[in-house]
Every structure is written in structure tokens, then in C-alpha cells.
């Protein structure tokens, strides 16, 4: 199964916009990447994923 990490980040950005936040602000840029990494680790706990 291939995980579309770009789509994940895009949807997270859309959620943040819907909540009234700015997904482009500096503090969130790093968190979007970290969240993507956590999702991949959760879906592939054996470490069989490639960032």
C-alpha cells in the first residue's frame, strides 16, 4: 500500500484553515511534517516505510 503523504499534508492544511489558523505560519510547517511521519509510523510500525 502506498501512502500519499502530500495528500495527507494537504488535508491537514485544509483542516487548519477551517479552524481559522494559518497553515503557512512558521510554527506549523514543522508540525505538518512531524504529523506525516507519525501517521506513517503508525500505519507501518515495522519501519518498512520510506520518507
C-alpha atoms as a PDB file:
ATOM      1  CA  UNK A   1       0.000   0.000   0.000  1.00  0.00           C
ATOM      2  CA  UNK A   2       1.341   3.414  -0.956  1.00  0.00           C
ATOM      3  CA  UNK A   3       0.570   6.320   1.328  1.00  0.00           C
ATOM      4  CA  UNK A   4       0.094   9.676  -0.376  1.00  0.00           C
ATOM      5  CA  UNK A   5       1.854  11.859   2.178  1.00  0.00           C
ATOM      6  CA  UNK A   6       1.326  15.008   0.124  1.00  0.00           C
ATOM      7  CA  UNK A   7      -2.431  14.431   0.217  1.00  0.00           C
ATOM      8  CA  UNK A   8      -2.239  13.923   3.982  1.00  0.00           C
ATOM      9  CA  UNK A   9      -0.476  17.258   4.440  1.00  0.00           C
ATOM     10  CA  UNK A  10      -2.945  18.991   2.115  1.00  0.00           C
ATOM     11  CA  UNK A  11      -5.917  17.702   4.097  1.00  0.00           C
ATOM     12  CA  UNK A  12      -4.309  18.750   7.368  1.00  0.00           C
ATOM     13  CA  UNK A  13      -3.761  22.228   5.925  1.00  0.00           C
ATOM     14  CA  UNK A  14      -7.447  22.334   4.925  1.00  0.00           C
ATOM     15  CA  UNK A  15      -8.492  21.342   8.449  1.00  0.00           C
ATOM     16  CA  UNK A  16      -6.301  24.067   9.941  1.00  0.00           C
ATOM     17  CA  UNK A  17      -7.794  26.642   7.551  1.00  0.00           C
ATOM     18  CA  UNK A  18     -11.300  25.500   8.509  1.00  0.00           C
ATOM     19  CA  UNK A  19     -10.373  26.036  12.167  1.00  0.00           C
ATOM     20  CA  UNK A  20      -9.239  29.572  11.356  1.00  0.00           C
ATOM     21  CA  UNK A  21      -5.487  29.008  11.643  1.00  0.00           C
ATOM     22  CA  UNK A  22      -2.801  29.817   9.100  1.00  0.00           C
ATOM     23  CA  UNK A  23      -1.103  26.573   7.996  1.00  0.00           C
ATOM     24  CA  UNK A  24       1.735  28.565   6.429  1.00  0.00           C
ATOM     25  CA  UNK A  25       2.871  30.107   9.691  1.00  0.00           C
ATOM     26  CA  UNK A  26       6.342  29.089  10.779  1.00  0.00           C
ATOM     27  CA  UNK A  27       5.377  27.056  13.827  1.00  0.00           C
ATOM     28  CA  UNK A  28       3.063  24.779  11.864  1.00  0.00           C
ATOM     29  CA  UNK A  29       5.351  23.952   8.938  1.00  0.00           C
ATOM     30  CA  UNK A  30       7.463  21.624  11.064  1.00  0.00           C
ATOM     31  CA  UNK A  31       4.437  20.109  12.799  1.00  0.00           C
ATOM     32  CA  UNK A  32       2.809  19.133   9.488  1.00  0.00           C
ATOM     33  CA  UNK A  33       5.916  17.144   8.596  1.00  0.00           C
ATOM     34  CA  UNK A  34       6.088  15.566  12.056  1.00  0.00           C
ATOM     35  CA  UNK A  35       2.431  14.581  11.865  1.00  0.00           C
ATOM     36  CA  UNK A  36       3.014  12.969   8.480  1.00  0.00           C
ATOM     37  CA  UNK A  37       5.911  10.974   9.937  1.00  0.00           C
ATOM     38  CA  UNK A  38       3.781   9.847  12.904  1.00  0.00           C
ATOM     39  CA  UNK A  39       0.972   8.702  10.623  1.00  0.00           C
ATOM     40  CA  UNK A  40       3.379   6.668   8.532  1.00  0.00           C
ATOM     41  CA  UNK A  41       4.965   5.125  11.609  1.00  0.00           C
ATOM     42  CA  UNK A  42       1.533   4.196  12.924  1.00  0.00           C
ATOM     43  CA  UNK A  43       0.484   2.601   9.636  1.00  0.00           C
ATOM     44  CA  UNK A  44       3.842   0.851   9.169  1.00  0.00           C
ATOM     45  CA  UNK A  45       5.139   0.139  12.688  1.00  0.00           C
ATOM     46  CA  UNK A  46       7.736  -2.316  11.371  1.00  0.00           C
ATOM     47  CA  UNK A  47       9.704   0.592   9.895  1.00  0.00           C
ATOM     48  CA  UNK A  48       9.015  -0.513   6.332  1.00  0.00           C
ATOM     49  CA  UNK A  49       8.332   3.000   5.145  1.00  0.00           C
ATOM     50  CA  UNK A  50      10.467   5.482   3.295  1.00  0.00           C
ATOM     51  CA  UNK A  51      10.216   9.191   3.937  1.00  0.00           C
END
